[in-house]
PDB file of N, CA and C in Angstrom:
ATOM      1  N   MET A   1       2.075 -23.522 -58.107  1.00  0.00           N
ATOM      2  CA  MET A   1       1.534 -22.475 -58.944  1.00  0.00           C
ATOM      3  C   MET A   1       1.522 -21.173 -58.145  1.00  0.00           C
ATOM      4  N   LEU A   2       1.890 -20.104 -58.809  1.00  0.00           N
ATOM      5  CA  LEU A   2       1.912 -18.786 -58.177  1.00  0.00           C
ATOM      6  C   LEU A   2       0.936 -17.866 -58.892  1.00  0.00           C
ATOM      7  N   SER A   3       0.090 -17.231 -58.105  1.00  0.00           N
ATOM      8  CA  SER A   3      -0.840 -16.221 -58.614  1.00  0.00           C
ATOM      9  C   SER A   3      -0.433 -14.886 -58.021  1.00  0.00           C
ATOM     10  N   VAL A   4      -0.329 -13.853 -58.866  1.00  0.00           N
ATOM     11  CA  VAL A   4      -0.018 -12.507 -58.392  1.00  0.00           C
ATOM     12  C   VAL A   4      -1.131 -11.610 -58.846  1.00  0.00           C
ATOM     13  N   SER A   5      -1.768 -10.899 -57.909  1.00  0.00           N
ATOM     14  CA  SER A   5      -2.888 -10.023 -58.275  1.00  0.00           C
ATOM     15  C   SER A   5      -2.995  -8.869 -57.312  1.00  0.00           C
ATOM     16  N   GLY A   6      -3.820  -7.922 -57.701  1.00  0.00           N
ATOM     17  CA  GLY A   6      -4.213  -6.874 -56.790  1.00  0.00           C
ATOM     18  C   GLY A   6      -5.390  -7.359 -55.981  1.00  0.00           C
ATOM     19  N   ASP A   7      -5.718  -6.592 -54.938  1.00  0.00           N
ATOM     20  CA  ASP A   7      -6.809  -6.999 -54.056  1.00  0.00           C
ATOM     21  C   ASP A   7      -8.159  -7.031 -54.784  1.00  0.00           C
ATOM     22  N   GLY A   8      -8.411  -6.051 -55.645  1.00  0.00           N
ATOM     23  CA  GLY A   8      -9.671  -6.001 -56.379  1.00  0.00           C
ATOM     24  C   GLY A   8      -9.843  -7.229 -57.249  1.00  0.00           C
ATOM     25  N   GLY A   9      -8.823  -7.581 -58.008  1.00  0.00           N
ATOM     26  CA  GLY A   9      -8.908  -8.753 -58.850  1.00  0.00           C
ATOM     27  C   GLY A   9      -9.018 -10.039 -58.076  1.00  0.00           C
ATOM     28  N   PHE A  10      -8.256 -10.129 -56.982  1.00  0.00           N
ATOM     29  CA  PHE A  10      -8.279 -11.332 -56.144  1.00  0.00           C
ATOM     30  C   PHE A  10      -9.671 -11.548 -55.560  1.00  0.00           C
ATOM     31  N   LEU A  11     -10.322 -10.461 -55.149  1.00  0.00           N
ATOM     32  CA  LEU A  11     -11.635 -10.606 -54.512  1.00  0.00           C
ATOM     33  C   LEU A  11     -12.724 -11.110 -55.456  1.00  0.00           C
ATOM     34  N   PHE A  12     -12.496 -10.983 -56.780  1.00  0.00           N
ATOM     35  CA  PHE A  12     -13.470 -11.528 -57.725  1.00  0.00           C
ATOM     36  C   PHE A  12     -13.560 -13.065 -57.591  1.00  0.00           C
ATOM     37  N   THR A  13     -12.463 -13.717 -57.181  1.00  0.00           N
ATOM     38  CA  THR A  13     -12.454 -15.178 -57.121  1.00  0.00           C
ATOM     39  C   THR A  13     -11.900 -15.709 -55.799  1.00  0.00           C
ATOM     40  N   ALA A  14     -11.952 -14.914 -54.750  1.00  0.00           N
ATOM     41  CA  ALA A  14     -11.371 -15.316 -53.458  1.00  0.00           C
ATOM     42  C   ALA A  14     -11.974 -16.624 -52.931  1.00  0.00           C
ATOM     43  N   SER A  15     -13.207 -16.910 -53.290  1.00  0.00           N
ATOM     44  CA  SER A  15     -13.831 -18.149 -52.810  1.00  0.00           C
ATOM     45  C   SER A  15     -13.136 -19.384 -53.368  1.00  0.00           C
ATOM     46  N   GLU A  16     -12.304 -19.236 -54.379  1.00  0.00           N
ATOM     47  CA  GLU A  16     -11.581 -20.388 -54.924  1.00  0.00           C
ATOM     48  C   GLU A  16     -10.516 -20.901 -53.974  1.00  0.00           C
ATOM     49  N   ILE A  17     -10.245 -20.140 -52.911  1.00  0.00           N
ATOM     50  CA  ILE A  17      -9.381 -20.669 -51.862  1.00  0.00           C
ATOM     51  C   ILE A  17      -9.985 -21.960 -51.332  1.00  0.00           C
ATOM     52  N   ALA A  18     -11.296 -22.017 -51.225  1.00  0.00           N
ATOM     53  CA  ALA A  18     -11.971 -23.231 -50.754  1.00  0.00           C
ATOM     54  C   ALA A  18     -11.674 -24.420 -51.673  1.00  0.00           C
ATOM     55  N   SER A  19     -11.688 -24.181 -52.972  1.00  0.00           N
ATOM     56  CA  SER A  19     -11.398 -25.252 -53.937  1.00  0.00           C
ATOM     57  C   SER A  19      -9.968 -25.745 -53.767  1.00  0.00           C
ATOM     58  N   ALA A  20      -9.044 -24.807 -53.628  1.00  0.00           N
ATOM     59  CA  ALA A  20      -7.633 -25.190 -53.459  1.00  0.00           C
ATOM     60  C   ALA A  20      -7.444 -26.039 -52.202  1.00  0.00           C
ATOM     61  N   VAL A  21      -8.108 -25.648 -51.110  1.00  0.00           N
ATOM     62  CA  VAL A  21      -8.012 -26.411 -49.863  1.00  0.00           C
ATOM     63  C   VAL A  21      -8.649 -27.784 -50.039  1.00  0.00           C
ATOM     64  N   HIS A  22      -9.840 -27.824 -50.626  1.00  0.00           N
ATOM     65  CA  HIS A  22     -10.567 -29.073 -50.795  1.00  0.00           C
ATOM     66  C   HIS A  22      -9.767 -30.077 -51.620  1.00  0.00           C
ATOM     67  N   HIS A  23      -9.109 -29.593 -52.662  1.00  0.00           N
ATOM     68  CA  HIS A  23      -8.355 -30.484 -53.562  1.00  0.00           C
ATOM     69  C   HIS A  23      -6.852 -30.550 -53.241  1.00  0.00           C
ATOM     70  N   LYS A  24      -6.490 -29.933 -52.120  1.00  0.00           N
ATOM     71  CA  LYS A  24      -5.096 -29.948 -51.652  1.00  0.00           C
ATOM     72  C   LYS A  24      -4.117 -29.464 -52.733  1.00  0.00           C
ATOM     73  N   LEU A  25      -4.467 -28.327 -53.352  1.00  0.00           N
ATOM     74  CA  LEU A  25      -3.629 -27.748 -54.397  1.00  0.00           C
ATOM     75  C   LEU A  25      -2.675 -26.741 -53.790  1.00  0.00           C
ATOM     76  N   PRO A  26      -1.382 -26.883 -54.051  1.00  0.00           N
ATOM     77  CA  PRO A  26      -0.393 -25.998 -53.437  1.00  0.00           C
ATOM     78  C   PRO A  26      -0.294 -24.643 -54.142  1.00  0.00           C
ATOM     79  N   VAL A  27      -1.417 -23.954 -54.253  1.00  0.00           N
ATOM     80  CA  VAL A  27      -1.457 -22.651 -54.909  1.00  0.00           C
ATOM     81  C   VAL A  27      -0.984 -21.586 -53.929  1.00  0.00           C
ATOM     82  N   VAL A  28      -0.112 -20.706 -54.399  1.00  0.00           N
ATOM     83  CA  VAL A  28       0.348 -19.570 -53.588  1.00  0.00           C
ATOM     84  C   VAL A  28      -0.193 -18.299 -54.258  1.00  0.00           C
ATOM     85  N   ALA A  29      -1.003 -17.548 -53.549  1.00  0.00           N
ATOM     86  CA  ALA A  29      -1.586 -16.314 -54.084  1.00  0.00           C
ATOM     87  C   ALA A  29      -0.968 -15.115 -53.379  1.00  0.00           C
ATOM     88  N   VAL A  30      -0.277 -14.280 -54.141  1.00  0.00           N
ATOM     89  CA  VAL A  30       0.281 -13.031 -53.607  1.00  0.00           C
ATOM     90  C   VAL A  30      -0.729 -11.937 -53.947  1.00  0.00           C
ATOM     91  N   VAL A  31      -1.198 -11.224 -52.923  1.00  0.00           N
ATOM     92  CA  VAL A  31      -2.223 -10.206 -53.117  1.00  0.00           C
ATOM     93  C   VAL A  31      -1.646  -8.856 -52.704  1.00  0.00           C
ATOM     94  N   PHE A  32      -1.457  -7.964 -53.685  1.00  0.00           N
ATOM     95  CA  PHE A  32      -1.005  -6.605 -53.391  1.00  0.00           C
ATOM     96  C   PHE A  32      -2.241  -5.793 -53.042  1.00  0.00           C
ATOM     97  N   ALA A  33      -2.342  -5.385 -51.792  1.00  0.00           N
ATOM     98  CA  ALA A  33      -3.543  -4.767 -51.249  1.00  0.00           C
ATOM     99  C   ALA A  33      -3.400  -3.265 -51.065  1.00  0.00           C
ATOM    100  N   ASP A  34      -4.122  -2.522 -51.902  1.00  0.00           N
ATOM    101  CA  ASP A  34      -4.133  -1.073 -51.774  1.00  0.00           C
ATOM    102  C   ASP A  34      -5.534  -0.537 -51.494  1.00  0.00           C
ATOM    103  N   GLY A  35      -6.518  -1.414 -51.384  1.00  0.00           N
ATOM    104  CA  GLY A  35      -7.874  -0.994 -51.081  1.00  0.00           C
ATOM    105  C   GLY A  35      -8.543  -0.252 -52.214  1.00  0.00           C
ATOM    106  N   ALA A  36      -8.123  -0.572 -53.437  1.00  0.00           N
ATOM    107  CA  ALA A  36      -8.708   0.144 -54.604  1.00  0.00           C
ATOM    108  C   ALA A  36      -8.524  -0.677 -55.865  1.00  0.00           C
ATOM    109  N   TYR A  37      -9.346  -0.363 -56.861  1.00  0.00           N
ATOM    110  CA  TYR A  37      -9.066  -0.799 -58.219  1.00  0.00           C
ATOM    111  C   TYR A  37      -8.040   0.212 -58.719  1.00  0.00           C
ATOM    112  N   GLY A  38      -6.777  -0.090 -58.485  1.00  0.00           N
ATOM    113  CA  GLY A  38      -5.689   0.872 -58.613  1.00  0.00           C
ATOM    114  C   GLY A  38      -5.634   1.656 -59.911  1.00  0.00           C
ATOM    115  N   ASN A  39      -5.718   0.939 -61.043  1.00  0.00           N
ATOM    116  CA  ASN A  39      -5.640   1.626 -62.323  1.00  0.00           C
ATOM    117  C   ASN A  39      -6.846   2.531 -62.545  1.00  0.00           C
ATOM    118  N   VAL A  40      -8.008   2.055 -62.134  1.00  0.00           N
ATOM    119  CA  VAL A  40      -9.228   2.872 -62.276  1.00  0.00           C
ATOM    120  C   VAL A  40      -9.117   4.123 -61.413  1.00  0.00           C
ATOM    121  N   LEU A  41      -8.669   3.967 -60.169  1.00  0.00           N
ATOM    122  CA  LEU A  41      -8.513   5.088 -59.272  1.00  0.00           C
ATOM    123  C   LEU A  41      -7.538   6.130 -59.854  1.00  0.00           C
ATOM    124  N   ARG A  42      -6.408   5.662 -60.340  1.00  0.00           N
ATOM    125  CA  ARG A  42      -5.404   6.585 -60.892  1.00  0.00           C
ATOM    126  C   ARG A  42      -5.965   7.330 -62.100  1.00  0.00           C
ATOM    127  N   MET A  43      -6.651   6.609 -62.991  1.00  0.00           N
ATOM    128  CA  MET A  43      -7.224   7.248 -64.175  1.00  0.00           C
ATOM    129  C   MET A  43      -8.305   8.264 -63.797  1.00  0.00           C
ATOM    130  N   GLN A  44      -9.149   7.918 -62.799  1.00  0.00           N
ATOM    131  CA  GLN A  44     -10.163   8.870 -62.376  1.00  0.00           C
ATOM    132  C   GLN A  44      -9.518  10.151 -61.868  1.00  0.00           C
ATOM    133  N   LYS A  45      -8.500  10.006 -61.050  1.00  0.00           N
ATOM    134  CA  LYS A  45      -7.810  11.182 -60.507  1.00  0.00           C
ATOM    135  C   LYS A  45      -7.190  12.012 -61.627  1.00  0.00           C
ATOM    136  N   GLU A  46      -6.535  11.357 -62.579  1.00  0.00           N
ATOM    137  CA  GLU A  46      -5.839  12.085 -63.644  1.00  0.00           C
ATOM    138  C   GLU A  46      -6.791  12.709 -64.655  1.00  0.00           C
ATOM    139  N   LEU A  47      -7.849  11.994 -64.978  1.00  0.00           N
ATOM    140  CA  LEU A  47      -8.736  12.432 -66.066  1.00  0.00           C
ATOM    141  C   LEU A  47      -9.938  13.244 -65.621  1.00  0.00           C
ATOM    142  N   HIS A  48     -10.233  13.210 -64.318  1.00  0.00           N
ATOM    143  CA  HIS A  48     -11.460  13.860 -63.837  1.00  0.00           C
ATOM    144  C   HIS A  48     -11.203  14.785 -62.661  1.00  0.00           C
ATOM    145  N   ASP A  49     -10.091  15.515 -62.737  1.00  0.00           N
ATOM    146  CA  ASP A  49      -9.751  16.515 -61.717  1.00  0.00           C
ATOM    147  C   ASP A  49      -9.811  15.978 -60.281  1.00  0.00           C
ATOM    148  N   GLY A  50      -9.350  14.748 -60.096  1.00  0.00           N
ATOM    149  CA  GLY A  50      -9.275  14.169 -58.758  1.00  0.00           C
ATOM    150  C   GLY A  50     -10.580  13.578 -58.248  1.00  0.00           C
ATOM    151  N   ARG A  51     -11.648  13.668 -59.031  1.00  0.00           N
ATOM    152  CA  ARG A  51     -12.933  13.096 -58.605  1.00  0.00           C
ATOM    153  C   ARG A  51     -12.890  11.580 -58.777  1.00  0.00           C
ATOM    154  N   VAL A  52     -13.295  10.867 -57.746  1.00  0.00           N
ATOM    155  CA  VAL A  52     -13.318   9.410 -57.789  1.00  0.00           C
ATOM    156  C   VAL A  52     -14.664   8.886 -57.330  1.00  0.00           C
ATOM    157  N   ILE A  53     -15.081   7.770 -57.910  1.00  0.00           N
ATOM    158  CA  ILE A  53     -16.308   7.127 -57.490  1.00  0.00           C
ATOM    159  C   ILE A  53     -16.194   5.619 -57.776  1.00  0.00           C
ATOM    160  N   GLY A  54     -16.530   4.816 -56.782  1.00  0.00           N
ATOM    161  CA  GLY A  54     -16.597   3.375 -56.966  1.00  0.00           C
ATOM    162  C   GLY A  54     -15.271   2.668 -57.222  1.00  0.00           C
ATOM    163  N   SER A  55     -14.172   3.307 -56.903  1.00  0.00           N
ATOM    164  CA  SER A  55     -12.878   2.666 -57.199  1.00  0.00           C
ATOM    165  C   SER A  55     -12.111   2.339 -55.930  1.00  0.00           C
ATOM    166  N   THR A  56     -12.645   2.623 -54.758  1.00  0.00           N
ATOM    167  CA  THR A  56     -12.005   2.206 -53.496  1.00  0.00           C
ATOM    168  C   THR A  56     -12.971   1.311 -52.740  1.00  0.00           C
ATOM    169  N   PHE A  57     -12.413   0.485 -51.865  1.00  0.00           N
ATOM    170  CA  PHE A  57     -13.229  -0.453 -51.096  1.00  0.00           C
ATOM    171  C   PHE A  57     -12.508  -0.811 -49.810  1.00  0.00           C
ATOM    172  N   THR A  58     -13.212  -1.523 -48.959  1.00  0.00           N
ATOM    173  CA  THR A  58     -12.656  -1.974 -47.682  1.00  0.00           C
ATOM    174  C   THR A  58     -12.310  -3.482 -47.816  1.00  0.00           C
ATOM    175  N   ASN A  59     -11.066  -3.800 -47.559  1.00  0.00           N
ATOM    176  CA  ASN A  59     -10.621  -5.193 -47.669  1.00  0.00           C
ATOM    177  C   ASN A  59     -10.886  -5.985 -46.414  1.00  0.00           C
ATOM    178  N   PRO A  60     -11.023  -7.304 -46.556  1.00  0.00           N
ATOM    179  CA  PRO A  60     -10.971  -8.158 -45.384  1.00  0.00           C
ATOM    180  C   PRO A  60      -9.507  -8.281 -44.960  1.00  0.00           C
ATOM    181  N   ASP A  61      -9.286  -8.872 -43.816  1.00  0.00           N
ATOM    182  CA  ASP A  61      -7.940  -9.267 -43.426  1.00  0.00           C
ATOM    183  C   ASP A  61      -7.640 -10.533 -44.219  1.00  0.00           C
ATOM    184  N   PHE A  62      -6.781 -10.452 -45.221  1.00  0.00           N
ATOM    185  CA  PHE A  62      -6.547 -11.571 -46.116  1.00  0.00           C
ATOM    186  C   PHE A  62      -5.906 -12.768 -45.407  1.00  0.00           C
ATOM    187  N   VAL A  63      -5.124 -12.512 -44.373  1.00  0.00           N
ATOM    188  CA  VAL A  63      -4.549 -13.621 -43.590  1.00  0.00           C
ATOM    189  C   VAL A  63      -5.652 -14.400 -42.910  1.00  0.00           C
ATOM    190  N   LYS A  64      -6.552 -13.693 -42.266  1.00  0.00           N
ATOM    191  CA  LYS A  64      -7.684 -14.365 -41.589  1.00  0.00           C
ATOM    192  C   LYS A  64      -8.626 -15.015 -42.605  1.00  0.00           C
ATOM    193  N   LEU A  65      -8.810 -14.381 -43.746  1.00  0.00           N
ATOM    194  CA  LEU A  65      -9.674 -14.973 -44.773  1.00  0.00           C
ATOM    195  C   LEU A  65      -9.112 -16.312 -45.219  1.00  0.00           C
ATOM    196  N   ALA A  66      -7.812 -16.355 -45.506  1.00  0.00           N
ATOM    197  CA  ALA A  66      -7.187 -17.601 -45.905  1.00  0.00           C
ATOM    198  C   ALA A  66      -7.345 -18.663 -44.830  1.00  0.00           C
ATOM    199  N   GLU A  67      -7.082 -18.278 -43.593  1.00  0.00           N
ATOM    200  CA  GLU A  67      -7.192 -19.232 -42.475  1.00  0.00           C
ATOM    201  C   GLU A  67      -8.635 -19.697 -42.294  1.00  0.00           C
ATOM    202  N   ALA A  68      -9.605 -18.858 -42.532  1.00  0.00           N
ATOM    203  CA  ALA A  68     -11.018 -19.265 -42.413  1.00  0.00           C
ATOM    204  C   ALA A  68     -11.357 -20.358 -43.402  1.00  0.00           C
ATOM    205  N   TYR A  69     -10.703 -20.365 -44.559  1.00  0.00           N
ATOM    206  CA  TYR A  69     -10.916 -21.410 -45.548  1.00  0.00           C
ATOM    207  C   TYR A  69     -10.063 -22.652 -45.282  1.00  0.00           C
ATOM    208  N   GLY A  70      -9.146 -22.571 -44.338  1.00  0.00           N
ATOM    209  CA  GLY A  70      -8.250 -23.688 -44.053  1.00  0.00           C
ATOM    210  C   GLY A  70      -6.928 -23.628 -44.769  1.00  0.00           C
ATOM    211  N   ALA A  71      -6.664 -22.481 -45.408  1.00  0.00           N
ATOM    212  CA  ALA A  71      -5.363 -22.284 -46.077  1.00  0.00           C
ATOM    213  C   ALA A  71      -4.415 -21.583 -45.142  1.00  0.00           C
ATOM    214  N   ASP A  72      -3.149 -21.482 -45.526  1.00  0.00           N
ATOM    215  CA  ASP A  72      -2.195 -20.693 -44.757  1.00  0.00           C
ATOM    216  C   ASP A  72      -2.350 -19.240 -45.162  1.00  0.00           C
ATOM    217  N   GLY A  73      -2.215 -18.322 -44.215  1.00  0.00           N
ATOM    218  CA  GLY A  73      -2.265 -16.926 -44.481  1.00  0.00           C
ATOM    219  C   GLY A  73      -1.017 -16.263 -43.942  1.00  0.00           C
ATOM    220  N   ARG A  74      -0.437 -15.367 -44.735  1.00  0.00           N
ATOM    221  CA  ARG A  74       0.786 -14.647 -44.339  1.00  0.00           C
ATOM    222  C   ARG A  74       0.664 -13.215 -44.758  1.00  0.00           C
ATOM    223  N   ARG A  75       1.487 -12.372 -44.144  1.00  0.00           N
ATOM    224  CA  ARG A  75       1.556 -10.967 -44.533  1.00  0.00           C
ATOM    225  C   ARG A  75       3.014 -10.607 -44.704  1.00  0.00           C
ATOM    226  N   ALA A  76       3.321  -9.927 -45.787  1.00  0.00           N
ATOM    227  CA  ALA A  76       4.703  -9.513 -46.059  1.00  0.00           C
ATOM    228  C   ALA A  76       4.701  -8.005 -46.258  1.00  0.00           C
ATOM    229  N   GLU A  77       5.534  -7.323 -45.495  1.00  0.00           N
ATOM    230  CA  GLU A  77       5.552  -5.870 -45.569  1.00  0.00           C
ATOM    231  C   GLU A  77       6.846  -5.298 -46.145  1.00  0.00           C
ATOM    232  N   SER A  78       7.678  -6.169 -46.743  1.00  0.00           N
ATOM    233  CA  SER A  78       8.891  -5.720 -47.402  1.00  0.00           C
ATOM    234  C   SER A  78       9.238  -6.731 -48.464  1.00  0.00           C
ATOM    235  N   PRO A  79      10.082  -6.360 -49.436  1.00  0.00           N
ATOM    236  CA  PRO A  79      10.492  -7.333 -50.445  1.00  0.00           C
ATOM    237  C   PRO A  79      11.155  -8.579 -49.819  1.00  0.00           C
ATOM    238  N   ALA A  80      11.960  -8.381 -48.798  1.00  0.00           N
ATOM    239  CA  ALA A  80      12.629  -9.528 -48.144  1.00  0.00           C
ATOM    240  C   ALA A  80      11.585 -10.443 -47.477  1.00  0.00           C
ATOM    241  N   GLU A  81      10.598  -9.853 -46.826  1.00  0.00           N
ATOM    242  CA  GLU A  81       9.536 -10.669 -46.210  1.00  0.00           C
ATOM    243  C   GLU A  81       8.731 -11.390 -47.273  1.00  0.00           C
ATOM    244  N   LEU A  82       8.519 -10.751 -48.391  1.00  0.00           N
ATOM    245  CA  LEU A  82       7.754 -11.409 -49.473  1.00  0.00           C
ATOM    246  C   LEU A  82       8.542 -12.605 -50.010  1.00  0.00           C
ATOM    247  N   GLU A  83       9.823 -12.417 -50.234  1.00  0.00           N
ATOM    248  CA  GLU A  83      10.653 -13.522 -50.732  1.00  0.00           C
ATOM    249  C   GLU A  83      10.597 -14.705 -49.759  1.00  0.00           C
ATOM    250  N   THR A  84      10.756 -14.417 -48.475  1.00  0.00           N
ATOM    251  CA  THR A  84      10.723 -15.492 -47.475  1.00  0.00           C
ATOM    252  C   THR A  84       9.348 -16.159 -47.464  1.00  0.00           C
ATOM    253  N   ALA A  85       8.294 -15.366 -47.477  1.00  0.00           N
ATOM    254  CA  ALA A  85       6.941 -15.939 -47.439  1.00  0.00           C
ATOM    255  C   ALA A  85       6.659 -16.825 -48.644  1.00  0.00           C
ATOM    256  N   VAL A  86       7.090 -16.414 -49.819  1.00  0.00           N
ATOM    257  CA  VAL A  86       6.883 -17.216 -51.015  1.00  0.00           C
ATOM    258  C   VAL A  86       7.671 -18.524 -50.937  1.00  0.00           C
ATOM    259  N   ARG A  87       8.917 -18.417 -50.543  1.00  0.00           N
ATOM    260  CA  ARG A  87       9.748 -19.641 -50.401  1.00  0.00           C
ATOM    261  C   ARG A  87       9.122 -20.615 -49.398  1.00  0.00           C
ATOM    262  N   GLU A  88       8.693 -20.112 -48.242  1.00  0.00           N
ATOM    263  CA  GLU A  88       8.090 -20.960 -47.215  1.00  0.00           C
ATOM    264  C   GLU A  88       6.763 -21.559 -47.704  1.00  0.00           C
ATOM    265  N   ALA A  89       5.993 -20.766 -48.450  1.00  0.00           N
ATOM    266  CA  ALA A  89       4.718 -21.248 -48.945  1.00  0.00           C
ATOM    267  C   ALA A  89       4.925 -22.401 -49.931  1.00  0.00           C
ATOM    268  N   PHE A  90       5.882 -22.268 -50.840  1.00  0.00           N
ATOM    269  CA  PHE A  90       6.153 -23.356 -51.782  1.00  0.00           C
ATOM    270  C   PHE A  90       6.673 -24.580 -51.054  1.00  0.00           C
ATOM    271  N   ALA A  91       7.480 -24.380 -50.063  1.00  0.00           N
ATOM    272  CA  ALA A  91       8.025 -25.514 -49.282  1.00  0.00           C
ATOM    273  C   ALA A  91       6.903 -26.251 -48.532  1.00  0.00           C
ATOM    274  N   ALA A  92       5.907 -25.528 -48.059  1.00  0.00           N
ATOM    275  CA  ALA A  92       4.805 -26.123 -47.299  1.00  0.00           C
ATOM    276  C   ALA A  92       3.866 -26.943 -48.196  1.00  0.00           C
ATOM    277  N   ARG A  93       3.846 -26.617 -49.506  1.00  0.00           N
ATOM    278  CA  ARG A  93       2.991 -27.346 -50.456  1.00  0.00           C
ATOM    279  C   ARG A  93       1.542 -27.345 -50.024  1.00  0.00           C
ATOM    280  N   ARG A  94       1.056 -26.165 -49.555  1.00  0.00           N
ATOM    281  CA  ARG A  94      -0.341 -26.001 -49.151  1.00  0.00           C
ATOM    282  C   ARG A  94      -0.885 -24.723 -49.787  1.00  0.00           C
ATOM    283  N   PRO A  95      -2.196 -24.621 -49.932  1.00  0.00           N
ATOM    284  CA  PRO A  95      -2.741 -23.355 -50.401  1.00  0.00           C
ATOM    285  C   PRO A  95      -2.369 -22.247 -49.438  1.00  0.00           C
ATOM    286  N   THR A  96      -1.862 -21.142 -49.984  1.00  0.00           N
ATOM    287  CA  THR A  96      -1.393 -20.033 -49.158  1.00  0.00           C
ATOM    288  C   THR A  96      -1.746 -18.720 -49.807  1.00  0.00           C
ATOM    289  N   VAL A  97      -2.213 -17.772 -48.988  1.00  0.00           N
ATOM    290  CA  VAL A  97      -2.456 -16.406 -49.431  1.00  0.00           C
ATOM    291  C   VAL A  97      -1.452 -15.507 -48.723  1.00  0.00           C
ATOM    292  N   ILE A  98      -0.720 -14.695 -49.476  1.00  0.00           N
ATOM    293  CA  ILE A  98       0.243 -13.760 -48.903  1.00  0.00           C
ATOM    294  C   ILE A  98      -0.231 -12.361 -49.207  1.00  0.00           C
ATOM    295  N   GLU A  99      -0.620 -11.643 -48.167  1.00  0.00           N
ATOM    296  CA  GLU A  99      -1.074 -10.256 -48.331  1.00  0.00           C
ATOM    297  C   GLU A  99       0.140  -9.343 -48.287  1.00  0.00           C
ATOM    298  N   VAL A 100       0.228  -8.426 -49.244  1.00  0.00           N
ATOM    299  CA  VAL A 100       1.289  -7.425 -49.298  1.00  0.00           C
ATOM    300  C   VAL A 100       0.639  -6.042 -49.274  1.00  0.00           C
ATOM    301  N   PRO A 101       0.565  -5.386 -48.113  1.00  0.00           N
ATOM    302  CA  PRO A 101      -0.024  -4.049 -48.059  1.00  0.00           C
ATOM    303  C   PRO A 101       0.857  -3.079 -48.870  1.00  0.00           C
ATOM    304  N   VAL A 102       0.227  -2.306 -49.741  1.00  0.00           N
ATOM    305  CA  VAL A 102       0.937  -1.333 -50.554  1.00  0.00           C
ATOM    306  C   VAL A 102       0.149  -0.025 -50.611  1.00  0.00           C
ATOM    307  N   GLY A 103       0.823   1.022 -51.013  1.00  0.00           N
ATOM    308  CA  GLY A 103       0.152   2.285 -51.294  1.00  0.00           C
ATOM    309  C   GLY A 103      -0.243   2.312 -52.759  1.00  0.00           C
ATOM    310  N   GLU A 104      -0.495   3.517 -53.265  1.00  0.00           N
ATOM    311  CA  GLU A 104      -0.832   3.634 -54.687  1.00  0.00           C
ATOM    312  C   GLU A 104       0.323   3.125 -55.526  1.00  0.00           C
ATOM    313  N   MET A 105      -0.003   2.357 -56.519  1.00  0.00           N
ATOM    314  CA  MET A 105       1.028   1.780 -57.400  1.00  0.00           C
ATOM    315  C   MET A 105       1.251   2.700 -58.592  1.00  0.00           C
ATOM    316  N   PRO A 106       2.461   2.689 -59.136  1.00  0.00           N
ATOM    317  CA  PRO A 106       2.743   3.494 -60.329  1.00  0.00           C
ATOM    318  C   PRO A 106       2.015   2.966 -61.538  1.00  0.00           C
ATOM    319  N   GLU A 107       1.876   3.788 -62.522  1.00  0.00           N
ATOM    320  CA  GLU A 107       1.235   3.378 -63.754  1.00  0.00           C
ATOM    321  C   GLU A 107       2.010   2.228 -64.405  1.00  0.00           C
ATOM    322  N   PRO A 108       1.345   1.121 -64.738  1.00  0.00           N
ATOM    323  CA  PRO A 108       2.064  -0.041 -65.284  1.00  0.00           C
ATOM    324  C   PRO A 108       2.309   0.002 -66.783  1.00  0.00           C
ATOM    325  N   TRP A 109       1.586   0.838 -67.510  1.00  0.00           N
ATOM    326  CA  TRP A 109       1.611   0.778 -68.973  1.00  0.00           C
ATOM    327  C   TRP A 109       2.991   0.985 -69.597  1.00  0.00           C
ATOM    328  N   PRO A 110       3.838   1.869 -69.093  1.00  0.00           N
ATOM    329  CA  PRO A 110       5.173   1.981 -69.700  1.00  0.00           C
ATOM    330  C   PRO A 110       5.981   0.690 -69.638  1.00  0.00           C
ATOM    331  N   VAL A 111       5.729  -0.119 -68.622  1.00  0.00           N
ATOM    332  CA  VAL A 111       6.460  -1.401 -68.486  1.00  0.00           C
ATOM    333  C   VAL A 111       5.782  -2.465 -69.363  1.00  0.00           C
ATOM    334  N   ILE A 112       4.456  -2.462 -69.349  1.00  0.00           N
ATOM    335  CA  ILE A 112       3.715  -3.476 -70.105  1.00  0.00           C
ATOM    336  C   ILE A 112       3.825  -3.227 -71.603  1.00  0.00           C
ATOM    337  N   ARG A 113       3.674  -1.974 -71.995  1.00  0.00           N
ATOM    338  CA  ARG A 113       3.741  -1.601 -73.410  1.00  0.00           C
ATOM    339  C   ARG A 113       4.790  -0.504 -73.577  1.00  0.00           C
ATOM    340  N   PRO A 114       6.051  -0.866 -73.629  1.00  0.00           N
ATOM    341  CA  PRO A 114       7.084   0.184 -73.792  1.00  0.00           C
ATOM    342  C   PRO A 114       6.909   0.903 -75.129  1.00  0.00           C
ATOM    343  N   ALA A 115       7.383   2.103 -75.189  1.00  0.00           N
ATOM    344  CA  ALA A 115       7.302   2.898 -76.408  1.00  0.00           C
ATOM    345  C   ALA A 115       8.002   2.127 -77.534  1.00  0.00           C
ATOM    346  N   PRO A 116       7.418   2.192 -78.748  1.00  0.00           N
ATOM    347  CA  PRO A 116       8.076   1.449 -79.856  1.00  0.00           C
ATOM    348  C   PRO A 116       9.454   2.027 -80.134  1.00  0.00           C
ATOM    349  N   SER A 117      10.345   1.148 -80.488  1.00  0.00           N
ATOM    350  CA  SER A 117      11.698   1.624 -80.817  1.00  0.00           C
ATOM    351  C   SER A 117      11.729   2.134 -82.247  1.00  0.00           C
ATOM    352  N   LYS A 118      12.646   3.029 -82.520  1.00  0.00           N
ATOM    353  CA  LYS A 118      12.774   3.578 -83.858  1.00  0.00           C
ATOM    354  C   LYS A 118      13.496   2.562 -84.740  1.00  0.00           C
ATOM    355  N   PRO A 119      13.050   2.496 -85.998  1.00  0.00           N
ATOM    356  CA  PRO A 119      13.755   1.551 -86.902  1.00  0.00           C
ATOM    357  C   PRO A 119      15.198   1.991 -87.082  1.00  0.00           C
ATOM    358  N   LYS A 120      16.078   1.021 -87.214  1.00  0.00           N
ATOM    359  CA  LYS A 120      17.496   1.322 -87.415  1.00  0.00           C
ATOM    360  C   LYS A 120      17.723   1.758 -88.874  1.00  0.00           C
ATOM    361  N   LYS A 121      18.537   2.764 -89.004  1.00  0.00           N
ATOM    362  CA  LYS A 121      18.881   3.230 -90.359  1.00  0.00           C
ATOM    363  C   LYS A 121      20.048   2.400 -90.880  1.00  0.00           C
ATOM    364  N   GLY A 122      20.007   2.186 -92.168  1.00  0.00           N
ATOM    365  CA  GLY A 122      21.186   1.526 -92.715  1.00  0.00           C
ATOM    366  C   GLY A 122      20.956   0.481 -93.645  1.00  0.00           C
TER     367      GLY A 122
END
């Protein structure tokens, strides 16, 4: 099983690493870490003249956090490293957390909800 999340979302349930280790579940969690609730931060900046509140935070070292629970922890700093880390994690068949440090992410909505297409004439 593969889980892909941002650091804010992952931290809501990070303690479930313990469950995965306890039950020997080969869950691979990819965590894109920007130290913020990214969409909230972007919206605050855009809608409130750059003023932000409560949308940034300090992350733990996700590799060490995974290891503290008895899971594998990895860090990938490029797409190639991420591909390798995911392949190795699936091959190991152990709970694994892969931290991917990132900067601010682009707005996802155009990809998630593309503009409606025009009806075809005819």
